[in-house]
PDB file of all heavy atoms in Angstrom:
ATOM      1  N   LEU A   1     157.037 102.540  81.548  1.00  0.00           N
ATOM      2  CA  LEU A   1     156.934 101.863  82.833  1.00  0.00           C
ATOM      3  C   LEU A   1     157.074 102.903  83.932  1.00  0.00           C
ATOM      4  O   LEU A   1     158.100 103.588  84.031  1.00  0.00           O
ATOM      5  CB  LEU A   1     158.029 100.802  82.979  1.00  0.00           C
ATOM      6  CG  LEU A   1     158.101 100.093  84.342  1.00  0.00           C
ATOM      7  CD1 LEU A   1     156.798  99.372  84.657  1.00  0.00           C
ATOM      8  CD2 LEU A   1     159.277  99.126  84.399  1.00  0.00           C
ATOM      9  N   VAL A   2     156.030 103.054  84.748  1.00  0.00           N
ATOM     10  CA  VAL A   2     156.040 104.020  85.838  1.00  0.00           C
ATOM     11  C   VAL A   2     156.173 103.274  87.160  1.00  0.00           C
ATOM     12  O   VAL A   2     155.363 102.400  87.472  1.00  0.00           O
ATOM     13  CB  VAL A   2     154.749 104.869  85.862  1.00  0.00           C
ATOM     14  CG1 VAL A   2     154.786 105.856  87.027  1.00  0.00           C
ATOM     15  CG2 VAL A   2     154.580 105.610  84.543  1.00  0.00           C
ATOM     16  N   ILE A   3     157.197 103.610  87.930  1.00  0.00           N
ATOM     17  CA  ILE A   3     157.344 103.072  89.275  1.00  0.00           C
ATOM     18  C   ILE A   3     156.490 103.969  90.159  1.00  0.00           C
ATOM     19  O   ILE A   3     156.852 105.107  90.445  1.00  0.00           O
ATOM     20  CB  ILE A   3     158.812 103.070  89.742  1.00  0.00           C
ATOM     21  CG1 ILE A   3     159.719 102.489  88.642  1.00  0.00           C
ATOM     22  CG2 ILE A   3     158.955 102.284  91.044  1.00  0.00           C
ATOM     23  CD1 ILE A   3     159.357 101.080  88.216  1.00  0.00           C
ATOM     24  N   ALA A   4     155.337 103.444  90.565  1.00  0.00           N
ATOM     25  CA  ALA A   4     154.294 104.304  91.143  1.00  0.00           C
ATOM     26  C   ALA A   4     154.107 104.064  92.652  1.00  0.00           C
ATOM     27  O   ALA A   4     155.018 103.640  93.341  1.00  0.00           O
ATOM     28  CB  ALA A   4     152.993 104.089  90.377  1.00  0.00           C
ATOM     29  N   GLY A   5     152.898 104.403  93.125  1.00  0.00           N
ATOM     30  CA  GLY A   5     152.577 104.240  94.537  1.00  0.00           C
ATOM     31  C   GLY A   5     152.445 105.542  95.299  1.00  0.00           C
ATOM     32  O   GLY A   5     152.252 105.548  96.510  1.00  0.00           O
ATOM     33  N   THR A   6     152.567 106.683  94.597  1.00  0.00           N
ATOM     34  CA  THR A   6     152.443 107.987  95.244  1.00  0.00           C
ATOM     35  C   THR A   6     151.410 108.830  94.496  1.00  0.00           C
ATOM     36  O   THR A   6     151.020 108.513  93.368  1.00  0.00           O
ATOM     37  CB  THR A   6     153.780 108.758  95.218  1.00  0.00           C
ATOM     38  OG1 THR A   6     154.145 109.007  93.850  1.00  0.00           O
ATOM     39  CG2 THR A   6     154.887 107.966  95.906  1.00  0.00           C
ATOM     40  N   ILE A   7     150.996 109.919  95.123  1.00  0.00           N
ATOM     41  CA  ILE A   7     150.063 110.832  94.465  1.00  0.00           C
ATOM     42  C   ILE A   7     150.720 111.456  93.237  1.00  0.00           C
ATOM     43  O   ILE A   7     150.065 111.708  92.221  1.00  0.00           O
ATOM     44  CB  ILE A   7     149.577 111.928  95.443  1.00  0.00           C
ATOM     45  CG1 ILE A   7     148.473 112.760  94.786  1.00  0.00           C
ATOM     46  CG2 ILE A   7     150.725 112.806  95.922  1.00  0.00           C
ATOM     47  CD1 ILE A   7     147.775 113.715  95.741  1.00  0.00           C
ATOM     48  N   ASP A   8     152.035 111.686  93.306  1.00  0.00           N
ATOM     49  CA  ASP A   8     152.759 112.227  92.154  1.00  0.00           C
ATOM     50  C   ASP A   8     152.672 111.261  90.977  1.00  0.00           C
ATOM     51  O   ASP A   8     152.450 111.671  89.836  1.00  0.00           O
ATOM     52  CB  ASP A   8     154.236 112.436  92.506  1.00  0.00           C
ATOM     53  CG  ASP A   8     154.436 113.135  93.825  1.00  0.00           C
ATOM     54  OD1 ASP A   8     154.002 114.290  93.929  1.00  0.00           O
ATOM     55  OD2 ASP A   8     155.013 112.533  94.737  1.00  0.00           O
ATOM     56  N   ALA A   9     152.866 109.977  91.264  1.00  0.00           N
ATOM     57  CA  ALA A   9     152.828 108.969  90.204  1.00  0.00           C
ATOM     58  C   ALA A   9     151.453 108.922  89.549  1.00  0.00           C
ATOM     59  O   ALA A   9     151.343 108.757  88.329  1.00  0.00           O
ATOM     60  CB  ALA A   9     153.192 107.599  90.771  1.00  0.00           C
ATOM     61  N   ARG A  10     150.406 109.067  90.348  1.00  0.00           N
ATOM     62  CA  ARG A  10     149.052 109.039  89.779  1.00  0.00           C
ATOM     63  C   ARG A  10     148.842 110.232  88.847  1.00  0.00           C
ATOM     64  O   ARG A  10     148.209 110.102  87.794  1.00  0.00           O
ATOM     65  CB  ARG A  10     148.008 109.022  90.903  1.00  0.00           C
ATOM     66  CG  ARG A  10     148.056 107.746  91.731  1.00  0.00           C
ATOM     67  CD  ARG A  10     146.809 107.554  92.561  1.00  0.00           C
ATOM     68  NE  ARG A  10     146.648 108.528  93.610  1.00  0.00           N
ATOM     69  CZ  ARG A  10     147.220 108.436  94.826  1.00  0.00           C
ATOM     70  NH1 ARG A  10     148.018 107.409  95.102  1.00  0.00           N
ATOM     71  NH2 ARG A  10     147.002 109.348  95.740  1.00  0.00           N
ATOM     72  N   GLN A  11     149.365 111.382  89.215  1.00  0.00           N
ATOM     73  CA  GLN A  11     149.256 112.559  88.343  1.00  0.00           C
ATOM     74  C   GLN A  11     150.018 112.330  87.037  1.00  0.00           C
ATOM     75  O   GLN A  11     149.547 112.697  85.955  1.00  0.00           O
ATOM     76  CB  GLN A  11     149.811 113.787  89.066  1.00  0.00           C
ATOM     77  CG  GLN A  11     148.969 114.213  90.259  1.00  0.00           C
ATOM     78  CD  GLN A  11     149.653 115.283  91.101  1.00  0.00           C
ATOM     79  OE1 GLN A  11     150.814 115.617  90.888  1.00  0.00           O
ATOM     80  NE2 GLN A  11     148.936 115.813  92.077  1.00  0.00           N
ATOM     81  N   ILE A  12     151.181 111.693  87.140  1.00  0.00           N
ATOM     82  CA  ILE A  12     151.983 111.408  85.946  1.00  0.00           C
ATOM     83  C   ILE A  12     151.275 110.395  85.057  1.00  0.00           C
ATOM     84  O   ILE A  12     151.205 110.566  83.833  1.00  0.00           O
ATOM     85  CB  ILE A  12     153.383 110.909  86.367  1.00  0.00           C
ATOM     86  CG1 ILE A  12     154.182 112.061  86.982  1.00  0.00           C
ATOM     87  CG2 ILE A  12     154.130 110.298  85.176  1.00  0.00           C
ATOM     88  CD1 ILE A  12     155.469 111.638  87.661  1.00  0.00           C
ATOM     89  N   VAL A  13     150.732 109.340  85.656  1.00  0.00           N
ATOM     90  CA  VAL A  13     149.997 108.330  84.898  1.00  0.00           C
ATOM     91  C   VAL A  13     148.833 108.975  84.160  1.00  0.00           C
ATOM     92  O   VAL A  13     148.585 108.693  82.973  1.00  0.00           O
ATOM     93  CB  VAL A  13     149.501 107.195  85.820  1.00  0.00           C
ATOM     94  CG1 VAL A  13     148.454 106.334  85.110  1.00  0.00           C
ATOM     95  CG2 VAL A  13     150.670 106.335  86.266  1.00  0.00           C
ATOM     96  N   GLU A  14     148.096 109.836  84.839  1.00  0.00           N
ATOM     97  CA  GLU A  14     146.948 110.511  84.220  1.00  0.00           C
ATOM     98  C   GLU A  14     147.374 111.306  82.989  1.00  0.00           C
ATOM     99  O   GLU A  14     146.736 111.235  81.939  1.00  0.00           O
ATOM    100  CB  GLU A  14     146.278 111.428  85.242  1.00  0.00           C
ATOM    101  CG  GLU A  14     145.056 112.148  84.700  1.00  0.00           C
ATOM    102  CD  GLU A  14     144.380 113.035  85.736  1.00  0.00           C
ATOM    103  OE1 GLU A  14     145.019 113.347  86.766  1.00  0.00           O
ATOM    104  OE2 GLU A  14     143.218 113.407  85.514  1.00  0.00           O
ATOM    105  N   GLN A  15     148.478 112.049  83.112  1.00  0.00           N
ATOM    106  CA  GLN A  15     148.949 112.868  81.994  1.00  0.00           C
ATOM    107  C   GLN A  15     149.470 112.003  80.844  1.00  0.00           C
ATOM    108  O   GLN A  15     149.264 112.325  79.670  1.00  0.00           O
ATOM    109  CB  GLN A  15     150.042 113.823  82.470  1.00  0.00           C
ATOM    110  CG  GLN A  15     149.554 114.913  83.419  1.00  0.00           C
ATOM    111  CD  GLN A  15     148.447 115.751  82.818  1.00  0.00           C
ATOM    112  OE1 GLN A  15     148.553 116.222  81.683  1.00  0.00           O
ATOM    113  NE2 GLN A  15     147.362 115.933  83.560  1.00  0.00           N
ATOM    114  N   LEU A  16     150.130 110.915  81.175  1.00  0.00           N
ATOM    115  CA  LEU A  16     150.647 110.015  80.141  1.00  0.00           C
ATOM    116  C   LEU A  16     149.509 109.401  79.335  1.00  0.00           C
ATOM    117  O   LEU A  16     149.581 109.299  78.105  1.00  0.00           O
ATOM    118  CB  LEU A  16     151.492 108.914  80.782  1.00  0.00           C
ATOM    119  CG  LEU A  16     152.851 109.337  81.349  1.00  0.00           C
ATOM    120  CD1 LEU A  16     153.482 108.186  82.126  1.00  0.00           C
ATOM    121  CD2 LEU A  16     153.790 109.796  80.239  1.00  0.00           C
ATOM    122  N   LEU A  17     148.455 108.983  80.029  1.00  0.00           N
ATOM    123  CA  LEU A  17     147.308 108.387  79.338  1.00  0.00           C
ATOM    124  C   LEU A  17     146.620 109.406  78.437  1.00  0.00           C
ATOM    125  O   LEU A  17     146.184 109.080  77.326  1.00  0.00           O
ATOM    126  CB  LEU A  17     146.325 107.818  80.361  1.00  0.00           C
ATOM    127  CG  LEU A  17     146.811 106.588  81.140  1.00  0.00           C
ATOM    128  CD1 LEU A  17     145.842 106.250  82.258  1.00  0.00           C
ATOM    129  CD2 LEU A  17     146.991 105.388  80.210  1.00  0.00           C
ATOM    130  N   LYS A  18     146.532 110.643  78.902  1.00  0.00           N
ATOM    131  CA  LYS A  18     145.937 111.695  78.089  1.00  0.00           C
ATOM    132  C   LYS A  18     146.764 111.942  76.831  1.00  0.00           C
ATOM    133  O   LYS A  18     146.224 112.239  75.763  1.00  0.00           O
ATOM    134  CB  LYS A  18     145.811 113.003  78.893  1.00  0.00           C
ATOM    135  CG  LYS A  18     144.711 112.989  79.930  1.00  0.00           C
ATOM    136  CD  LYS A  18     144.654 114.317  80.673  1.00  0.00           C
ATOM    137  CE  LYS A  18     143.540 114.333  81.718  1.00  0.00           C
ATOM    138  NZ  LYS A  18     143.515 115.611  82.472  1.00  0.00           N
ATOM    139  N   TYR A  19     148.061 111.802  76.944  1.00  0.00           N
ATOM    140  CA  TYR A  19     148.954 112.020  75.805  1.00  0.00           C
ATOM    141  C   TYR A  19     148.849 110.873  74.801  1.00  0.00           C
ATOM    142  O   TYR A  19     149.107 111.058  73.617  1.00  0.00           O
ATOM    143  CB  TYR A  19     150.393 112.170  76.297  1.00  0.00           C
ATOM    144  CG  TYR A  19     151.394 112.379  75.199  1.00  0.00           C
ATOM    145  CD1 TYR A  19     151.302 113.476  74.336  1.00  0.00           C
ATOM    146  CD2 TYR A  19     152.433 111.472  75.007  1.00  0.00           C
ATOM    147  CE1 TYR A  19     152.223 113.656  73.311  1.00  0.00           C
ATOM    148  CE2 TYR A  19     153.360 111.649  73.981  1.00  0.00           C
ATOM    149  CZ  TYR A  19     153.256 112.752  73.146  1.00  0.00           C
ATOM    150  OH  TYR A  19     154.168 112.920  72.134  1.00  0.00           O
ATOM    151  N   GLY A  20     148.465 109.688  75.292  1.00  0.00           N
ATOM    152  CA  GLY A  20     148.231 108.583  74.371  1.00  0.00           C
ATOM    153  C   GLY A  20     149.292 107.511  74.336  1.00  0.00           C
ATOM    154  O   GLY A  20     149.284 106.658  73.443  1.00  0.00           O
ATOM    155  N   VAL A  21     150.197 107.515  75.308  1.00  0.00           N
ATOM    156  CA  VAL A  21     151.183 106.434  75.363  1.00  0.00           C
ATOM    157  C   VAL A  21     150.613 105.277  76.181  1.00  0.00           C
ATOM    158  O   VAL A  21     149.644 105.434  76.934  1.00  0.00           O
ATOM    159  CB  VAL A  21     152.520 106.902  75.979  1.00  0.00           C
ATOM    160  CG1 VAL A  21     153.133 108.000  75.140  1.00  0.00           C
ATOM    161  CG2 VAL A  21     152.341 107.364  77.417  1.00  0.00           C
ATOM    162  N   SER A  22     151.225 104.116  76.044  1.00  0.00           N
ATOM    163  CA  SER A  22     150.804 102.943  76.805  1.00  0.00           C
ATOM    164  C   SER A  22     151.529 102.950  78.149  1.00  0.00           C
ATOM    165  O   SER A  22     152.740 103.179  78.205  1.00  0.00           O
ATOM    166  CB  SER A  22     151.145 101.673  76.025  1.00  0.00           C
ATOM    167  OG  SER A  22     150.756 100.529  76.743  1.00  0.00           O
ATOM    168  N   VAL A  23     150.786 102.726  79.238  1.00  0.00           N
ATOM    169  CA  VAL A  23     151.360 102.854  80.576  1.00  0.00           C
ATOM    170  C   VAL A  23     151.222 101.565  81.378  1.00  0.00           C
ATOM    171  O   VAL A  23     150.117 101.021  81.511  1.00  0.00           O
ATOM    172  CB  VAL A  23     150.692 104.009  81.363  1.00  0.00           C
ATOM    173  CG1 VAL A  23     151.303 104.120  82.758  1.00  0.00           C
ATOM    174  CG2 VAL A  23     150.829 105.326  80.619  1.00  0.00           C
ATOM    175  N   THR A  24     152.334 101.095  81.912  1.00  0.00           N
ATOM    176  CA  THR A  24     152.345 100.039  82.920  1.00  0.00           C
ATOM    177  C   THR A  24     152.860 100.664  84.211  1.00  0.00           C
ATOM    178  O   THR A  24     153.902 101.338  84.201  1.00  0.00           O
ATOM    179  CB  THR A  24     153.247  98.865  82.509  1.00  0.00           C
ATOM    180  OG1 THR A  24     152.703  98.229  81.361  1.00  0.00           O
ATOM    181  CG2 THR A  24     153.349  97.837  83.639  1.00  0.00           C
ATOM    182  N   ALA A  25     152.135 100.469  85.302  1.00  0.00           N
ATOM    183  CA  ALA A  25     152.524 101.065  86.579  1.00  0.00           C
ATOM    184  C   ALA A  25     152.702  99.982  87.634  1.00  0.00           C
ATOM    185  O   ALA A  25     151.859  99.090  87.770  1.00  0.00           O
ATOM    186  CB  ALA A  25     151.470 102.065  87.045  1.00  0.00           C
ATOM    187  N   THR A  26     153.800 100.051  88.366  1.00  0.00           N
ATOM    188  CA  THR A  26     154.046  99.099  89.449  1.00  0.00           C
ATOM    189  C   THR A  26     153.752  99.759  90.790  1.00  0.00           C
ATOM    190  O   THR A  26     154.065 100.927  91.005  1.00  0.00           O
ATOM    191  CB  THR A  26     155.503  98.609  89.447  1.00  0.00           C
ATOM    192  OG1 THR A  26     156.374  99.693  89.818  1.00  0.00           O
ATOM    193  CG2 THR A  26     155.909  98.082  88.085  1.00  0.00           C
ATOM    194  N   VAL A  27     153.124  99.003  91.677  1.00  0.00           N
ATOM    195  CA  VAL A  27     152.849  99.454  93.039  1.00  0.00           C
ATOM    196  C   VAL A  27     153.178  98.306  93.989  1.00  0.00           C
ATOM    197  O   VAL A  27     153.149  97.139  93.591  1.00  0.00           O
ATOM    198  CB  VAL A  27     151.377  99.884  93.231  1.00  0.00           C
ATOM    199  CG1 VAL A  27     151.065 101.131  92.425  1.00  0.00           C
ATOM    200  CG2 VAL A  27     150.430  98.754  92.844  1.00  0.00           C
ATOM    201  N   THR A  28     153.471  98.626  95.232  1.00  0.00           N
ATOM    202  CA  THR A  28     153.838  97.574  96.181  1.00  0.00           C
ATOM    203  C   THR A  28     152.650  97.058  96.977  1.00  0.00           C
ATOM    204  O   THR A  28     152.718  95.969  97.535  1.00  0.00           O
ATOM    205  CB  THR A  28     154.909  98.085  97.166  1.00  0.00           C
ATOM    206  OG1 THR A  28     154.416  99.260  97.841  1.00  0.00           O
ATOM    207  CG2 THR A  28     156.193  98.432  96.417  1.00  0.00           C
ATOM    208  N   THR A  29     151.555  97.826  97.023  1.00  0.00           N
ATOM    209  CA  THR A  29     150.420  97.430  97.850  1.00  0.00           C
ATOM    210  C   THR A  29     149.130  97.348  97.038  1.00  0.00           C
ATOM    211  O   THR A  29     149.004  97.967  95.975  1.00  0.00           O
ATOM    212  CB  THR A  29     150.200  98.429  99.006  1.00  0.00           C
ATOM    213  OG1 THR A  29     149.811  99.705  98.459  1.00  0.00           O
ATOM    214  CG2 THR A  29     151.468  98.597  99.838  1.00  0.00           C
ATOM    215  N   HIS A  30     148.181  96.613  97.591  1.00  0.00           N
ATOM    216  CA  HIS A  30     146.862  96.517  96.968  1.00  0.00           C
ATOM    217  C   HIS A  30     146.172  97.879  96.970  1.00  0.00           C
ATOM    218  O   HIS A  30     145.486  98.237  96.011  1.00  0.00           O
ATOM    219  CB  HIS A  30     146.011  95.496  97.720  1.00  0.00           C
ATOM    220  CG  HIS A  30     144.609  95.378  97.188  1.00  0.00           C
ATOM    221  ND1 HIS A  30     144.326  94.835  95.948  1.00  0.00           N
ATOM    222  CD2 HIS A  30     143.411  95.774  97.717  1.00  0.00           C
ATOM    223  CE1 HIS A  30     143.027  94.881  95.735  1.00  0.00           C
ATOM    224  NE2 HIS A  30     142.450  95.450  96.780  1.00  0.00           N
ATOM    225  N   LEU A  31     146.375  98.641  98.052  1.00  0.00           N
ATOM    226  CA  LEU A  31     145.776  99.981  98.131  1.00  0.00           C
ATOM    227  C   LEU A  31     146.308 100.858  97.002  1.00  0.00           C
ATOM    228  O   LEU A  31     145.543 101.575  96.344  1.00  0.00           O
ATOM    229  CB  LEU A  31     146.085 100.617  99.483  1.00  0.00           C
ATOM    230  CG  LEU A  31     145.597 102.057  99.690  1.00  0.00           C
ATOM    231  CD1 LEU A  31     144.087 102.141  99.533  1.00  0.00           C
ATOM    232  CD2 LEU A  31     146.024 102.585 101.056  1.00  0.00           C
ATOM    233  N   GLY A  32     147.619 100.794  96.762  1.00  0.00           N
ATOM    234  CA  GLY A  32     148.200 101.577  95.683  1.00  0.00           C
ATOM    235  C   GLY A  32     147.609 101.204  94.335  1.00  0.00           C
ATOM    236  O   GLY A  32     147.341 102.070  93.504  1.00  0.00           O
ATOM    237  N   GLY A  33     147.368  99.909  94.150  1.00  0.00           N
ATOM    238  CA  GLY A  33     146.762  99.449  92.901  1.00  0.00           C
ATOM    239  C   GLY A  33     145.335  99.927  92.742  1.00  0.00           C
ATOM    240  O   GLY A  33     144.916 100.338  91.656  1.00  0.00           O
ATOM    241  N   SER A  34     144.580  99.892  93.837  1.00  0.00           N
ATOM    242  CA  SER A  34     143.171 100.299  93.780  1.00  0.00           C
ATOM    243  C   SER A  34     143.033 101.782  93.440  1.00  0.00           C
ATOM    244  O   SER A  34     142.086 102.180  92.755  1.00  0.00           O
ATOM    245  CB  SER A  34     142.475  99.995  95.113  1.00  0.00           C
ATOM    246  OG  SER A  34     143.006 100.798  96.164  1.00  0.00           O
TER     247      SER A  34
END
C-alpha cells in the first residue's frame, strides 16, 4: 500500500511494479489519480 500523490510516489510505484509486487496507491485528488 503506497500513500501517494507526489512525484516521488509515482517513481516508487513504477519501481514496485517492475519488481513484480502488487501495488495499491491512495491519492487525495482526481489529478493525482490520473
